[in-house]
C-alpha atoms as a PDB file:
ATOM      1  CA  UNK A   1      -8.458 207.391 -22.198  1.00  0.00           C
ATOM      2  CA  UNK A   2      -9.634 207.766 -18.659  1.00  0.00           C
ATOM      3  CA  UNK A   3     -13.604 206.868 -17.764  1.00  0.00           C
ATOM      4  CA  UNK A   4     -15.732 209.614 -17.384  1.00  0.00           C
ATOM      5  CA  UNK A   5     -17.462 209.378 -13.659  1.00  0.00           C
ATOM      6  CA  UNK A   6     -20.893 208.989 -13.943  1.00  0.00           C
ATOM      7  CA  UNK A   7     -22.731 212.243 -12.925  1.00  0.00           C
ATOM      8  CA  UNK A   8     -25.611 212.089  -9.998  1.00  0.00           C
ATOM      9  CA  UNK A   9     -28.906 212.166 -11.517  1.00  0.00           C
ATOM     10  CA  UNK A  10     -30.518 215.658 -11.287  1.00  0.00           C
ATOM     11  CA  UNK A  11     -32.479 215.679  -8.304  1.00  0.00           C
ATOM     12  CA  UNK A  12     -36.348 216.167  -9.226  1.00  0.00           C
ATOM     13  CA  UNK A  13     -38.005 219.537  -7.654  1.00  0.00           C
ATOM     14  CA  UNK A  14     -40.307 218.500  -4.863  1.00  0.00           C
ATOM     15  CA  UNK A  15     -43.048 219.984  -6.259  1.00  0.00           C
ATOM     16  CA  UNK A  16     -42.567 217.948  -9.647  1.00  0.00           C
ATOM     17  CA  UNK A  17     -42.287 214.911  -7.840  1.00  0.00           C
ATOM     18  CA  UNK A  18     -45.313 212.702  -8.956  1.00  0.00           C
ATOM     19  CA  UNK A  19     -47.150 211.672  -6.043  1.00  0.00           C
ATOM     20  CA  UNK A  20     -44.710 213.762  -3.741  1.00  0.00           C
ATOM     21  CA  UNK A  21     -47.072 215.915  -0.995  1.00  0.00           C
ATOM     22  CA  UNK A  22     -46.755 219.134  -2.970  1.00  0.00           C
ATOM     23  CA  UNK A  23     -46.992 217.317  -6.457  1.00  0.00           C
ATOM     24  CA  UNK A  24     -50.864 216.106  -5.031  1.00  0.00           C
ATOM     25  CA  UNK A  25     -51.426 219.432  -3.290  1.00  0.00           C
ATOM     26  CA  UNK A  26     -51.067 221.143  -6.676  1.00  0.00           C
ATOM     27  CA  UNK A  27     -52.951 218.659  -8.662  1.00  0.00           C
ATOM     28  CA  UNK A  28     -55.875 218.512  -5.869  1.00  0.00           C
ATOM     29  CA  UNK A  29     -56.165 222.251  -6.841  1.00  0.00           C
ATOM     30  CA  UNK A  30     -56.113 221.584 -10.125  1.00  0.00           C
ATOM     31  CA  UNK A  31     -58.865 218.831 -10.206  1.00  0.00           C
ATOM     32  CA  UNK A  32     -60.957 220.729  -8.006  1.00  0.00           C
ATOM     33  CA  UNK A  33     -61.190 223.460 -10.169  1.00  0.00           C
ATOM     34  CA  UNK A  34     -61.939 221.357 -13.283  1.00  0.00           C
ATOM     35  CA  UNK A  35     -64.047 219.292 -11.288  1.00  0.00           C
ATOM     36  CA  UNK A  36     -66.551 222.492 -10.203  1.00  0.00           C
ATOM     37  CA  UNK A  37     -66.142 223.779 -13.873  1.00  0.00           C
ATOM     38  CA  UNK A  38     -66.692 220.748 -15.495  1.00  0.00           C
ATOM     39  CA  UNK A  39     -68.258 218.273 -13.559  1.00  0.00           C
ATOM     40  CA  UNK A  40     -67.569 214.647 -15.648  1.00  0.00           C
ATOM     41  CA  UNK A  41     -67.269 211.654 -14.864  1.00  0.00           C
ATOM     42  CA  UNK A  42     -63.487 211.879 -15.667  1.00  0.00           C
ATOM     43  CA  UNK A  43     -62.703 214.974 -13.857  1.00  0.00           C
ATOM     44  CA  UNK A  44     -65.031 213.803 -10.477  1.00  0.00           C
ATOM     45  CA  UNK A  45     -62.971 210.491 -10.932  1.00  0.00           C
ATOM     46  CA  UNK A  46     -59.553 212.235 -10.731  1.00  0.00           C
ATOM     47  CA  UNK A  47     -60.917 214.732  -7.839  1.00  0.00           C
ATOM     48  CA  UNK A  48     -61.703 211.701  -5.900  1.00  0.00           C
ATOM     49  CA  UNK A  49     -59.217 209.849  -6.760  1.00  0.00           C
ATOM     50  CA  UNK A  50     -56.234 212.372  -5.770  1.00  0.00           C
ATOM     51  CA  UNK A  51     -57.796 213.258  -2.106  1.00  0.00           C
ATOM     52  CA  UNK A  52     -58.167 209.400  -1.230  1.00  0.00           C
ATOM     53  CA  UNK A  53     -54.542 209.573  -2.001  1.00  0.00           C
ATOM     54  CA  UNK A  54     -53.833 212.591   0.224  1.00  0.00           C
ATOM     55  CA  UNK A  55     -55.575 210.812   2.893  1.00  0.00           C
ATOM     56  CA  UNK A  56     -53.839 207.788   2.541  1.00  0.00           C
ATOM     57  CA  UNK A  57     -50.632 209.646   2.827  1.00  0.00           C
ATOM     58  CA  UNK A  58     -52.040 211.683   5.879  1.00  0.00           C
ATOM     59  CA  UNK A  59     -52.930 208.587   7.408  1.00  0.00           C
ATOM     60  CA  UNK A  60     -49.647 206.633   6.971  1.00  0.00           C
ATOM     61  CA  UNK A  61     -47.816 209.834   8.194  1.00  0.00           C
ATOM     62  CA  UNK A  62     -50.140 209.883  11.552  1.00  0.00           C
ATOM     63  CA  UNK A  63     -49.542 206.117  12.252  1.00  0.00           C
ATOM     64  CA  UNK A  64     -45.810 206.623  11.802  1.00  0.00           C
ATOM     65  CA  UNK A  65     -45.862 209.671  14.826  1.00  0.00           C
ATOM     66  CA  UNK A  66     -47.847 207.567  17.016  1.00  0.00           C
ATOM     67  CA  UNK A  67     -45.724 204.593  16.519  1.00  0.00           C
ATOM     68  CA  UNK A  68     -42.736 206.641  17.139  1.00  0.00           C
ATOM     69  CA  UNK A  69     -44.352 208.514  20.125  1.00  0.00           C
ATOM     70  CA  UNK A  70     -44.580 205.174  21.554  1.00  0.00           C
ATOM     71  CA  UNK A  71     -41.249 204.954  22.138  1.00  0.00           C
ATOM     72  CA  UNK A  72     -40.938 208.154  24.042  1.00  0.00           C
ATOM     73  CA  UNK A  73     -44.105 210.144  25.256  1.00  0.00           C
ATOM     74  CA  UNK A  74     -41.738 212.688  26.712  1.00  0.00           C
ATOM     75  CA  UNK A  75     -41.371 213.880  22.917  1.00  0.00           C
ATOM     76  CA  UNK A  76     -45.184 213.789  22.599  1.00  0.00           C
ATOM     77  CA  UNK A  77     -46.477 215.883  25.183  1.00  0.00           C
ATOM     78  CA  UNK A  78     -48.489 213.808  27.166  1.00  0.00           C
ATOM     79  CA  UNK A  79     -47.327 215.962  30.391  1.00  0.00           C
ATOM     80  CA  UNK A  80     -48.512 219.012  29.057  1.00  0.00           C
ATOM     81  CA  UNK A  81     -51.493 221.027  30.472  1.00  0.00           C
ATOM     82  CA  UNK A  82     -53.354 220.318  27.195  1.00  0.00           C
ATOM     83  CA  UNK A  83     -53.290 216.540  27.185  1.00  0.00           C
ATOM     84  CA  UNK A  84     -56.688 214.801  27.432  1.00  0.00           C
ATOM     85  CA  UNK A  85     -56.650 214.119  30.812  1.00  0.00           C
ATOM     86  CA  UNK A  86     -55.875 217.711  31.648  1.00  0.00           C
ATOM     87  CA  UNK A  87     -58.321 219.256  29.486  1.00  0.00           C
ATOM     88  CA  UNK A  88     -61.704 219.114  31.309  1.00  0.00           C
ATOM     89  CA  UNK A  89     -60.445 220.213  35.010  1.00  0.00           C
ATOM     90  CA  UNK A  90     -58.613 223.086  32.820  1.00  0.00           C
ATOM     91  CA  UNK A  91     -62.043 224.259  31.244  1.00  0.00           C
ATOM     92  CA  UNK A  92     -63.790 223.848  34.469  1.00  0.00           C
ATOM     93  CA  UNK A  93     -61.073 225.860  36.437  1.00  0.00           C
ATOM     94  CA  UNK A  94     -61.393 228.744  34.073  1.00  0.00           C
ATOM     95  CA  UNK A  95     -64.674 228.986  33.708  1.00  0.00           C
ATOM     96  CA  UNK A  96     -65.279 229.382  37.777  1.00  0.00           C
ATOM     97  CA  UNK A  97     -62.619 231.992  37.342  1.00  0.00           C
ATOM     98  CA  UNK A  98     -64.490 233.858  34.424  1.00  0.00           C
ATOM     99  CA  UNK A  99     -67.705 233.827  36.692  1.00  0.00           C
ATOM    100  CA  UNK A 100     -65.883 235.463  39.606  1.00  0.00           C
ATOM    101  CA  UNK A 101     -64.271 238.028  37.451  1.00  0.00           C
ATOM    102  CA  UNK A 102     -67.181 238.810  35.744  1.00  0.00           C
ATOM    103  CA  UNK A 103     -69.362 239.337  38.919  1.00  0.00           C
ATOM    104  CA  UNK A 104     -66.185 241.461  40.345  1.00  0.00           C
ATOM    105  CA  UNK A 105     -66.418 243.698  37.192  1.00  0.00           C
ATOM    106  CA  UNK A 106     -69.774 244.130  37.219  1.00  0.00           C
ATOM    107  CA  UNK A 107     -69.345 245.776  40.104  1.00  0.00           C
ATOM    108  CA  UNK A 108     -67.629 249.085  38.640  1.00  0.00           C
ATOM    109  CA  UNK A 109     -68.505 248.661  34.913  1.00  0.00           C
ATOM    110  CA  UNK A 110     -71.602 248.692  33.280  1.00  0.00           C
ATOM    111  CA  UNK A 111     -72.484 247.989  29.713  1.00  0.00           C
ATOM    112  CA  UNK A 112     -74.094 250.305  27.307  1.00  0.00           C
ATOM    113  CA  UNK A 113     -76.183 248.849  24.506  1.00  0.00           C
ATOM    114  CA  UNK A 114     -76.894 250.632  21.446  1.00  0.00           C
ATOM    115  CA  UNK A 115     -78.762 249.295  18.646  1.00  0.00           C
ATOM    116  CA  UNK A 116     -81.045 249.848  15.717  1.00  0.00           C
ATOM    117  CA  UNK A 117     -84.514 247.979  15.974  1.00  0.00           C
ATOM    118  CA  UNK A 118     -83.811 244.377  13.787  1.00  0.00           C
ATOM    119  CA  UNK A 119     -83.060 240.982  14.627  1.00  0.00           C
ATOM    120  CA  UNK A 120     -79.614 241.617  15.879  1.00  0.00           C
ATOM    121  CA  UNK A 121     -80.785 243.767  18.604  1.00  0.00           C
ATOM    122  CA  UNK A 122     -83.242 241.098  19.592  1.00  0.00           C
ATOM    123  CA  UNK A 123     -80.513 238.421  19.953  1.00  0.00           C
ATOM    124  CA  UNK A 124     -77.980 241.136  21.212  1.00  0.00           C
ATOM    125  CA  UNK A 125     -80.701 242.037  23.852  1.00  0.00           C
ATOM    126  CA  UNK A 126     -81.115 238.072  24.856  1.00  0.00           C
ATOM    127  CA  UNK A 127     -77.230 238.005  25.754  1.00  0.00           C
ATOM    128  CA  UNK A 128     -77.187 241.152  27.888  1.00  0.00           C
ATOM    129  CA  UNK A 129     -80.584 240.215  29.928  1.00  0.00           C
ATOM    130  CA  UNK A 130     -78.010 237.033  30.485  1.00  0.00           C
ATOM    131  CA  UNK A 131     -75.510 238.843  31.607  1.00  0.00           C
ATOM    132  CA  UNK A 132     -77.590 240.810  34.333  1.00  0.00           C
ATOM    133  CA  UNK A 133     -78.848 237.719  35.474  1.00  0.00           C
ATOM    134  CA  UNK A 134     -75.464 235.685  35.873  1.00  0.00           C
ATOM    135  CA  UNK A 135     -73.213 238.661  37.068  1.00  0.00           C
ATOM    136  CA  UNK A 136     -75.016 241.579  37.931  1.00  0.00           C
ATOM    137  CA  UNK A 137     -74.015 243.753  35.150  1.00  0.00           C
ATOM    138  CA  UNK A 138     -75.351 246.790  34.952  1.00  0.00           C
ATOM    139  CA  UNK A 139     -76.981 247.416  31.171  1.00  0.00           C
ATOM    140  CA  UNK A 140     -78.585 250.799  29.639  1.00  0.00           C
ATOM    141  CA  UNK A 141     -80.026 249.851  26.390  1.00  0.00           C
ATOM    142  CA  UNK A 142     -80.908 252.691  23.938  1.00  0.00           C
ATOM    143  CA  UNK A 143     -82.388 252.799  20.274  1.00  0.00           C
ATOM    144  CA  UNK A 144     -80.442 254.834  17.809  1.00  0.00           C
ATOM    145  CA  UNK A 145     -83.909 256.291  17.099  1.00  0.00           C
ATOM    146  CA  UNK A 146     -83.851 257.518  20.779  1.00  0.00           C
ATOM    147  CA  UNK A 147     -86.365 255.229  22.384  1.00  0.00           C
ATOM    148  CA  UNK A 148     -84.563 254.034  25.986  1.00  0.00           C
ATOM    149  CA  UNK A 149     -86.101 250.659  26.597  1.00  0.00           C
ATOM    150  CA  UNK A 150     -84.231 250.292  30.024  1.00  0.00           C
ATOM    151  CA  UNK A 151     -82.762 252.821  31.698  1.00  0.00           C
ATOM    152  CA  UNK A 152     -80.125 252.029  34.741  1.00  0.00           C
ATOM    153  CA  UNK A 153     -78.081 254.286  37.033  1.00  0.00           C
ATOM    154  CA  UNK A 154     -75.337 255.412  35.023  1.00  0.00           C
ATOM    155  CA  UNK A 155     -74.627 258.367  36.755  1.00  0.00           C
ATOM    156  CA  UNK A 156     -72.321 261.376  35.017  1.00  0.00           C
ATOM    157  CA  UNK A 157     -71.192 258.836  32.451  1.00  0.00           C
ATOM    158  CA  UNK A 158     -71.003 260.855  29.216  1.00  0.00           C
ATOM    159  CA  UNK A 159     -72.546 258.876  26.168  1.00  0.00           C
ATOM    160  CA  UNK A 160     -72.394 261.386  23.428  1.00  0.00           C
ATOM    161  CA  UNK A 161     -70.341 258.906  21.808  1.00  0.00           C
ATOM    162  CA  UNK A 162     -72.508 256.192  21.257  1.00  0.00           C
ATOM    163  CA  UNK A 163     -74.926 258.597  19.232  1.00  0.00           C
ATOM    164  CA  UNK A 164     -71.782 259.042  16.333  1.00  0.00           C
ATOM    165  CA  UNK A 165     -71.392 255.819  15.816  1.00  0.00           C
ATOM    166  CA  UNK A 166     -72.167 254.384  11.922  1.00  0.00           C
ATOM    167  CA  UNK A 167     -72.958 250.959  10.829  1.00  0.00           C
ATOM    168  CA  UNK A 168     -75.919 248.915  12.077  1.00  0.00           C
ATOM    169  CA  UNK A 169     -74.618 247.332  15.493  1.00  0.00           C
ATOM    170  CA  UNK A 170     -74.981 246.590  18.136  1.00  0.00           C
ATOM    171  CA  UNK A 171     -72.501 248.311  19.688  1.00  0.00           C
ATOM    172  CA  UNK A 172     -71.405 247.496  23.200  1.00  0.00           C
ATOM    173  CA  UNK A 173     -69.578 250.195  25.241  1.00  0.00           C
ATOM    174  CA  UNK A 174     -67.986 249.593  28.712  1.00  0.00           C
ATOM    175  CA  UNK A 175     -68.836 252.225  31.197  1.00  0.00           C
ATOM    176  CA  UNK A 176     -66.242 252.328  34.282  1.00  0.00           C
ATOM    177  CA  UNK A 177     -68.059 254.109  36.510  1.00  0.00           C
ATOM    178  CA  UNK A 178     -65.050 255.018  39.026  1.00  0.00           C
ATOM    179  CA  UNK A 179     -63.478 257.151  36.154  1.00  0.00           C
ATOM    180  CA  UNK A 180     -66.363 257.810  34.033  1.00  0.00           C
ATOM    181  CA  UNK A 181     -64.668 255.993  31.109  1.00  0.00           C
ATOM    182  CA  UNK A 182     -66.642 254.954  28.032  1.00  0.00           C
ATOM    183  CA  UNK A 183     -64.801 252.468  25.838  1.00  0.00           C
ATOM    184  CA  UNK A 184     -65.903 250.949  22.721  1.00  0.00           C
ATOM    185  CA  UNK A 185     -65.846 247.217  23.012  1.00  0.00           C
ATOM    186  CA  UNK A 186     -68.280 245.755  20.457  1.00  0.00           C
ATOM    187  CA  UNK A 187     -69.589 246.159  17.248  1.00  0.00           C
ATOM    188  CA  UNK A 188     -71.194 243.628  15.863  1.00  0.00           C
ATOM    189  CA  UNK A 189     -73.702 240.917  17.857  1.00  0.00           C
ATOM    190  CA  UNK A 190     -72.223 238.846  20.563  1.00  0.00           C
ATOM    191  CA  UNK A 191     -73.105 235.846  21.615  1.00  0.00           C
ATOM    192  CA  UNK A 192     -72.951 234.876  25.224  1.00  0.00           C
ATOM    193  CA  UNK A 193     -69.674 233.092  25.528  1.00  0.00           C
ATOM    194  CA  UNK A 194     -68.083 235.454  23.429  1.00  0.00           C
ATOM    195  CA  UNK A 195     -69.510 238.599  25.155  1.00  0.00           C
ATOM    196  CA  UNK A 196     -68.065 237.249  28.244  1.00  0.00           C
ATOM    197  CA  UNK A 197     -64.972 236.826  26.857  1.00  0.00           C
ATOM    198  CA  UNK A 198     -65.238 240.358  25.065  1.00  0.00           C
ATOM    199  CA  UNK A 199     -66.042 241.892  28.342  1.00  0.00           C
ATOM    200  CA  UNK A 200     -62.765 240.269  30.368  1.00  0.00           C
ATOM    201  CA  UNK A 201     -60.402 241.031  27.698  1.00  0.00           C
ATOM    202  CA  UNK A 202     -61.418 244.627  27.299  1.00  0.00           C
ATOM    203  CA  UNK A 203     -61.310 245.572  30.835  1.00  0.00           C
ATOM    204  CA  UNK A 204     -57.749 244.078  30.719  1.00  0.00           C
ATOM    205  CA  UNK A 205     -57.109 246.200  27.765  1.00  0.00           C
ATOM    206  CA  UNK A 206     -58.124 249.722  29.294  1.00  0.00           C
ATOM    207  CA  UNK A 207     -56.643 248.506  32.540  1.00  0.00           C
ATOM    208  CA  UNK A 208     -59.621 248.113  34.563  1.00  0.00           C
ATOM    209  CA  UNK A 209     -58.338 244.084  35.126  1.00  0.00           C
ATOM    210  CA  UNK A 210     -54.910 242.967  35.796  1.00  0.00           C
ATOM    211  CA  UNK A 211     -53.377 240.859  32.958  1.00  0.00           C
ATOM    212  CA  UNK A 212     -52.764 237.905  35.329  1.00  0.00           C
ATOM    213  CA  UNK A 213     -56.815 237.691  36.340  1.00  0.00           C
ATOM    214  CA  UNK A 214     -57.528 238.259  32.851  1.00  0.00           C
ATOM    215  CA  UNK A 215     -55.550 235.076  31.540  1.00  0.00           C
ATOM    216  CA  UNK A 216     -56.725 232.907  34.412  1.00  0.00           C
ATOM    217  CA  UNK A 217     -60.441 233.954  33.605  1.00  0.00           C
ATOM    218  CA  UNK A 218     -59.665 233.078  29.864  1.00  0.00           C
ATOM    219  CA  UNK A 219     -58.212 229.564  30.671  1.00  0.00           C
ATOM    220  CA  UNK A 220     -54.537 231.140  29.228  1.00  0.00           C
ATOM    221  CA  UNK A 221     -52.624 230.177  32.638  1.00  0.00           C
ATOM    222  CA  UNK A 222     -51.020 227.279  30.716  1.00  0.00           C
ATOM    223  CA  UNK A 223     -47.404 226.865  30.480  1.00  0.00           C
ATOM    224  CA  UNK A 224     -45.763 227.566  27.288  1.00  0.00           C
ATOM    225  CA  UNK A 225     -44.860 224.141  26.382  1.00  0.00           C
ATOM    226  CA  UNK A 226     -41.199 223.841  27.309  1.00  0.00           C
ATOM    227  CA  UNK A 227     -39.722 223.079  23.990  1.00  0.00           C
ATOM    228  CA  UNK A 228     -41.035 226.543  22.992  1.00  0.00           C
ATOM    229  CA  UNK A 229     -39.107 228.095  25.567  1.00  0.00           C
ATOM    230  CA  UNK A 230     -35.779 226.290  25.166  1.00  0.00           C
ATOM    231  CA  UNK A 231     -36.533 226.995  21.145  1.00  0.00           C
ATOM    232  CA  UNK A 232     -36.153 230.860  22.003  1.00  0.00           C
ATOM    233  CA  UNK A 233     -33.661 230.617  24.177  1.00  0.00           C
ATOM    234  CA  UNK A 234     -31.386 228.756  21.281  1.00  0.00           C
ATOM    235  CA  UNK A 235     -32.700 231.778  18.913  1.00  0.00           C
ATOM    236  CA  UNK A 236     -31.317 234.114  21.506  1.00  0.00           C
ATOM    237  CA  UNK A 237     -28.345 232.022  21.938  1.00  0.00           C
ATOM    238  CA  UNK A 238     -28.780 231.905  25.647  1.00  0.00           C
ATOM    239  CA  UNK A 239     -29.248 227.999  26.049  1.00  0.00           C
ATOM    240  CA  UNK A 240     -26.620 224.968  25.658  1.00  0.00           C
ATOM    241  CA  UNK A 241     -27.462 223.744  22.388  1.00  0.00           C
ATOM    242  CA  UNK A 242     -27.089 227.324  20.616  1.00  0.00           C
ATOM    243  CA  UNK A 243     -25.595 226.901  17.281  1.00  0.00           C
ATOM    244  CA  UNK A 244     -24.512 228.955  14.499  1.00  0.00           C
ATOM    245  CA  UNK A 245     -27.706 229.943  11.901  1.00  0.00           C
ATOM    246  CA  UNK A 246     -25.823 227.630   9.356  1.00  0.00           C
ATOM    247  CA  UNK A 247     -26.622 224.642  11.524  1.00  0.00           C
ATOM    248  CA  UNK A 248     -30.009 222.961  11.735  1.00  0.00           C
ATOM    249  CA  UNK A 249     -31.821 224.350  15.093  1.00  0.00           C
ATOM    250  CA  UNK A 250     -33.878 221.452  14.906  1.00  0.00           C
ATOM    251  CA  UNK A 251     -31.030 219.610  15.582  1.00  0.00           C
ATOM    252  CA  UNK A 252     -29.298 221.787  18.166  1.00  0.00           C
ATOM    253  CA  UNK A 253     -33.014 221.475  20.053  1.00  0.00           C
ATOM    254  CA  UNK A 254     -33.049 217.790  19.837  1.00  0.00           C
ATOM    255  CA  UNK A 255     -29.271 217.777  21.118  1.00  0.00           C
ATOM    256  CA  UNK A 256     -30.330 220.131  23.650  1.00  0.00           C
ATOM    257  CA  UNK A 257     -33.484 218.188  24.859  1.00  0.00           C
ATOM    258  CA  UNK A 258     -31.395 214.984  25.600  1.00  0.00           C
ATOM    259  CA  UNK A 259     -28.737 217.235  27.792  1.00  0.00           C
ATOM    260  CA  UNK A 260     -31.186 218.653  29.575  1.00  0.00           C
ATOM    261  CA  UNK A 261     -33.704 216.111  30.753  1.00  0.00           C
ATOM    262  CA  UNK A 262     -33.890 216.218  34.583  1.00  0.00           C
ATOM    263  CA  UNK A 263     -37.147 214.330  34.781  1.00  0.00           C
ATOM    264  CA  UNK A 264     -39.504 212.958  32.253  1.00  0.00           C
ATOM    265  CA  UNK A 265     -41.016 215.310  30.320  1.00  0.00           C
ATOM    266  CA  UNK A 266     -38.494 218.119  31.461  1.00  0.00           C
ATOM    267  CA  UNK A 267     -37.004 220.733  29.316  1.00  0.00           C
ATOM    268  CA  UNK A 268     -36.321 223.520  31.599  1.00  0.00           C
END
């Protein structure tokens, strides 16, 4: 009688494999709920133990990544603009560009600041004062109660839309003086850095600023990671290494990367 072949042991699903990532994640969720609802010594101990295990696995993974990346610095992306050595220079360049763009925009665009009396209005008022001081932005501040605390020269612009706004505000509208267009650009208080970016984003969105200048002002002119560029080409079937959908696209990317390395760090 022929001997029956031994069958392969049934693979345990990842979510059920003890001490695997999916298992730990599920157990931490359960332990967290139990410890919050019933913070006994046992429940707290289980919560701490599982989180320690998760950190240990994460640290082990991070160490292996660093170890492997040391063998191939180009794979780790040291040449990218986001590398630490270039990050500060890129930030300073973007700040200089943003200041220049904001001063230029302020020649043609004013800000219409509508608010109810309250702490948010006072906070926003300080931000608007800084916009005026730094960039020469004209600001018209209006209370919804009808009291105008400041009035600057916005000739012929139609502000009626501001008085139909609902909610607590404050609301900020951009007034494009050459076209007399009025656009709502923010609802709610804006910190200074947020206000600067909102001004730039909105000017581009409404066609008052060239998109390339917007990207430079916001520090968005970094080249896309060439790895992502090549992945897009593989998806379109337009690059060496493109594969059938049944094959592993990561393998195709790795193979293409090896084939296309003209110099360290390139994948164009």
